[in-house]
Amino acid sequence: MSTESKTKAKSHVTTNKHAVKAERILAIDVGGTRLKTAIISEGGEMKTKRVRVATPHPAKPDAVVSALFELIAPIR
């Protein structure tokens, strides 16, 4: 992909200069076999180790949300 194409691809993104900068962002990956979380910086740098658990089966919304709350407890 050329530099010009990359620039055009990103042209729809706007930045709010008054937006609050985040020191820590909770990243959550909900997969079919595992749930994973980690704290990352605004630049995408890992600030904590990744924490993983098996995705509950059946993966009903209440079960997944409960598992996520348990998963993030140690990295708060």
N, C-alpha and C. Protein backbone atom coordinates (compact mmCIF):
# COMPACT_ATOMS: atom_id res chain seq x y z
N MET A 1 0.85 -1.17 0.00
CA MET A 1 0.00 0.00 0.00
C MET A 1 0.90 1.23 0.00
N SER A 2 0.61 2.18 -0.88
CA SER A 2 1.43 3.38 -0.97
C SER A 2 1.16 4.31 0.21
N THR A 3 2.06 5.25 0.44
CA THR A 3 1.89 6.23 1.52
C THR A 3 0.64 7.04 1.29
N GLU A 4 0.37 7.39 0.04
CA GLU A 4 -0.82 8.17 -0.29
C GLU A 4 -2.08 7.38 0.07
N SER A 5 -2.12 6.08 -0.22
CA SER A 5 -3.27 5.25 0.10
C SER A 5 -3.48 5.16 1.60
N LYS A 6 -2.38 5.02 2.35
CA LYS A 6 -2.49 4.95 3.80
C LYS A 6 -3.06 6.24 4.36
N THR A 7 -2.63 7.38 3.84
CA THR A 7 -3.13 8.68 4.30
C THR A 7 -4.61 8.80 4.01
N LYS A 8 -5.03 8.42 2.82
CA LYS A 8 -6.44 8.49 2.47
C LYS A 8 -7.28 7.56 3.34
N ALA A 9 -6.75 6.39 3.67
CA ALA A 9 -7.47 5.44 4.50
C ALA A 9 -7.73 5.99 5.89
N LYS A 10 -6.83 6.82 6.40
CA LYS A 10 -6.96 7.36 7.75
C LYS A 10 -7.67 8.71 7.78
N SER A 11 -8.02 9.26 6.64
CA SER A 11 -8.56 10.62 6.59
C SER A 11 -9.92 10.76 7.28
N HIS A 12 -10.62 9.68 7.50
CA HIS A 12 -11.93 9.76 8.16
C HIS A 12 -11.82 9.88 9.68
N VAL A 13 -10.65 9.69 10.22
CA VAL A 13 -10.45 9.73 11.67
C VAL A 13 -10.26 11.17 12.11
N THR A 14 -11.01 11.58 13.14
CA THR A 14 -10.84 12.92 13.69
C THR A 14 -10.34 12.82 15.11
N THR A 15 -9.64 13.85 15.55
CA THR A 15 -9.11 13.88 16.90
C THR A 15 -9.73 15.06 17.64
N ASN A 16 -10.24 14.79 18.81
CA ASN A 16 -10.78 15.84 19.65
C ASN A 16 -9.66 16.37 20.51
N LYS A 17 -9.21 17.60 20.26
CA LYS A 17 -8.09 18.14 21.02
C LYS A 17 -8.44 18.39 22.48
N HIS A 18 -9.71 18.33 22.83
CA HIS A 18 -10.14 18.53 24.22
C HIS A 18 -10.39 17.21 24.94
N ALA A 19 -10.16 16.11 24.25
CA ALA A 19 -10.41 14.79 24.84
C ALA A 19 -9.43 14.53 25.99
N VAL A 20 -9.91 13.81 26.98
CA VAL A 20 -9.08 13.43 28.13
C VAL A 20 -8.15 12.30 27.69
N LYS A 21 -6.89 12.42 28.01
CA LYS A 21 -5.92 11.38 27.68
C LYS A 21 -6.02 10.27 28.73
N ALA A 22 -6.01 9.04 28.29
CA ALA A 22 -6.10 7.90 29.19
C ALA A 22 -4.72 7.41 29.55
N GLU A 23 -4.46 7.25 30.84
CA GLU A 23 -3.19 6.67 31.28
C GLU A 23 -3.22 5.16 31.14
N ARG A 24 -4.40 4.58 31.37
CA ARG A 24 -4.55 3.13 31.31
C ARG A 24 -5.84 2.80 30.59
N ILE A 25 -5.78 1.82 29.72
CA ILE A 25 -6.95 1.36 28.97
C ILE A 25 -7.11 -0.13 29.21
N LEU A 26 -8.33 -0.54 29.54
CA LEU A 26 -8.60 -1.95 29.73
C LEU A 26 -8.92 -2.57 28.37
N ALA A 27 -8.06 -3.47 27.92
CA ALA A 27 -8.27 -4.18 26.66
C ALA A 27 -8.88 -5.54 26.97
N ILE A 28 -9.95 -5.87 26.27
CA ILE A 28 -10.66 -7.13 26.48
C ILE A 28 -10.78 -7.85 25.15
N ASP A 29 -10.41 -9.13 25.13
CA ASP A 29 -10.55 -9.97 23.95
C ASP A 29 -11.51 -11.09 24.31
N VAL A 30 -12.69 -11.07 23.71
CA VAL A 30 -13.69 -12.10 23.96
C VAL A 30 -13.63 -13.07 22.78
N GLY A 31 -13.11 -14.25 23.06
CA GLY A 31 -12.98 -15.27 22.01
C GLY A 31 -13.84 -16.47 22.30
N GLY A 32 -13.94 -17.34 21.35
CA GLY A 32 -14.75 -18.54 21.49
C GLY A 32 -14.20 -19.54 22.48
N THR A 33 -12.87 -19.52 22.70
CA THR A 33 -12.27 -20.47 23.64
C THR A 33 -11.68 -19.80 24.88
N ARG A 34 -11.29 -18.52 24.76
CA ARG A 34 -10.69 -17.82 25.90
C ARG A 34 -11.15 -16.37 25.98
N LEU A 35 -11.17 -15.85 27.20
CA LEU A 35 -11.35 -14.42 27.46
C LEU A 35 -10.01 -13.92 27.93
N LYS A 36 -9.56 -12.78 27.39
CA LYS A 36 -8.26 -12.24 27.79
C LYS A 36 -8.41 -10.76 28.09
N THR A 37 -7.67 -10.28 29.09
CA THR A 37 -7.64 -8.87 29.41
C THR A 37 -6.23 -8.43 29.74
N ALA A 38 -5.99 -7.15 29.58
CA ALA A 38 -4.72 -6.54 29.96
C ALA A 38 -4.93 -5.04 30.02
N ILE A 39 -4.07 -4.36 30.73
CA ILE A 39 -4.07 -2.90 30.74
C ILE A 39 -3.01 -2.48 29.72
N ILE A 40 -3.39 -1.55 28.84
CA ILE A 40 -2.45 -1.03 27.86
C ILE A 40 -2.41 0.49 27.95
N SER A 41 -1.34 1.07 27.40
CA SER A 41 -1.23 2.53 27.34
C SER A 41 -1.99 3.02 26.11
N GLU A 42 -2.13 4.33 26.02
CA GLU A 42 -2.78 4.92 24.87
C GLU A 42 -2.06 4.57 23.57
N GLY A 43 -0.75 4.35 23.66
CA GLY A 43 0.04 3.98 22.50
C GLY A 43 0.05 2.49 22.21
N GLY A 44 -0.64 1.68 23.02
CA GLY A 44 -0.74 0.25 22.79
C GLY A 44 0.29 -0.59 23.53
N GLU A 45 1.10 0.05 24.39
CA GLU A 45 2.11 -0.69 25.17
C GLU A 45 1.44 -1.44 26.32
N MET A 46 1.80 -2.71 26.47
CA MET A 46 1.25 -3.52 27.57
C MET A 46 1.77 -2.99 28.90
N LYS A 47 0.85 -2.68 29.82
CA LYS A 47 1.20 -2.19 31.15
C LYS A 47 1.09 -3.27 32.21
N THR A 48 0.36 -4.34 31.91
CA THR A 48 0.23 -5.48 32.80
C THR A 48 0.40 -6.75 31.98
N LYS A 49 0.58 -7.84 32.67
CA LYS A 49 0.58 -9.12 31.97
C LYS A 49 -0.84 -9.44 31.54
N ARG A 50 -0.97 -10.18 30.47
CA ARG A 50 -2.27 -10.61 30.00
C ARG A 50 -2.83 -11.65 30.96
N VAL A 51 -4.11 -11.55 31.25
CA VAL A 51 -4.80 -12.51 32.11
C VAL A 51 -5.79 -13.26 31.23
N ARG A 52 -5.85 -14.59 31.37
CA ARG A 52 -6.72 -15.40 30.51
C ARG A 52 -7.53 -16.41 31.31
N VAL A 53 -8.73 -16.65 30.85
CA VAL A 53 -9.56 -17.74 31.38
C VAL A 53 -10.33 -18.34 30.21
N ALA A 54 -10.83 -19.53 30.40
CA ALA A 54 -11.64 -20.17 29.37
C ALA A 54 -12.97 -19.44 29.23
N THR A 55 -13.46 -19.34 28.01
CA THR A 55 -14.79 -18.77 27.78
C THR A 55 -15.82 -19.75 28.32
N PRO A 56 -16.77 -19.26 29.13
CA PRO A 56 -17.78 -20.18 29.67
C PRO A 56 -18.63 -20.79 28.55
N HIS A 57 -19.00 -22.03 28.75
CA HIS A 57 -19.87 -22.70 27.78
C HIS A 57 -21.04 -23.30 28.51
N PRO A 58 -22.27 -22.99 28.15
CA PRO A 58 -22.63 -22.12 27.05
C PRO A 58 -22.27 -20.66 27.39
N ALA A 59 -21.90 -19.90 26.38
CA ALA A 59 -21.43 -18.52 26.57
C ALA A 59 -22.61 -17.54 26.56
N LYS A 60 -23.48 -17.70 27.54
CA LYS A 60 -24.61 -16.80 27.66
C LYS A 60 -24.10 -15.47 28.21
N PRO A 61 -24.76 -14.34 27.87
CA PRO A 61 -24.26 -13.03 28.29
C PRO A 61 -23.94 -12.90 29.78
N ASP A 62 -24.82 -13.38 30.64
CA ASP A 62 -24.57 -13.27 32.09
C ASP A 62 -23.31 -14.03 32.50
N ALA A 63 -23.10 -15.19 31.93
CA ALA A 63 -21.93 -16.00 32.26
C ALA A 63 -20.65 -15.33 31.77
N VAL A 64 -20.68 -14.75 30.57
CA VAL A 64 -19.49 -14.08 30.03
C VAL A 64 -19.17 -12.83 30.85
N VAL A 65 -20.17 -12.03 31.18
CA VAL A 65 -19.94 -10.82 31.98
C VAL A 65 -19.41 -11.18 33.36
N SER A 66 -19.94 -12.20 33.99
CA SER A 66 -19.43 -12.65 35.29
C SER A 66 -17.97 -13.07 35.19
N ALA A 67 -17.64 -13.81 34.15
CA ALA A 67 -16.26 -14.25 33.95
C ALA A 67 -15.34 -13.05 33.73
N LEU A 68 -15.81 -12.05 32.99
CA LEU A 68 -14.99 -10.85 32.75
C LEU A 68 -14.74 -10.08 34.05
N PHE A 69 -15.75 -9.96 34.90
CA PHE A 69 -15.55 -9.28 36.18
C PHE A 69 -14.52 -10.01 37.03
N GLU A 70 -14.56 -11.32 37.06
CA GLU A 70 -13.56 -12.10 37.79
C GLU A 70 -12.18 -11.94 37.17
N LEU A 71 -12.16 -11.84 35.85
CA LEU A 71 -10.89 -11.74 35.13
C LEU A 71 -10.19 -10.40 35.39
N ILE A 72 -10.94 -9.31 35.47
CA ILE A 72 -10.30 -8.00 35.65
C ILE A 72 -9.98 -7.67 37.10
N ALA A 73 -10.55 -8.40 38.04
CA ALA A 73 -10.33 -8.10 39.46
C ALA A 73 -8.84 -8.01 39.82
N PRO A 74 -7.97 -8.94 39.39
CA PRO A 74 -6.57 -8.86 39.80
C PRO A 74 -5.77 -7.74 39.13
N ILE A 75 -6.25 -7.17 38.03
CA ILE A 75 -5.45 -6.16 37.33
C ILE A 75 -5.95 -4.74 37.54
N ARG A 76 -6.92 -4.54 38.39
CA ARG A 76 -7.45 -3.20 38.64
C ARG A 76 -6.41 -2.31 39.16
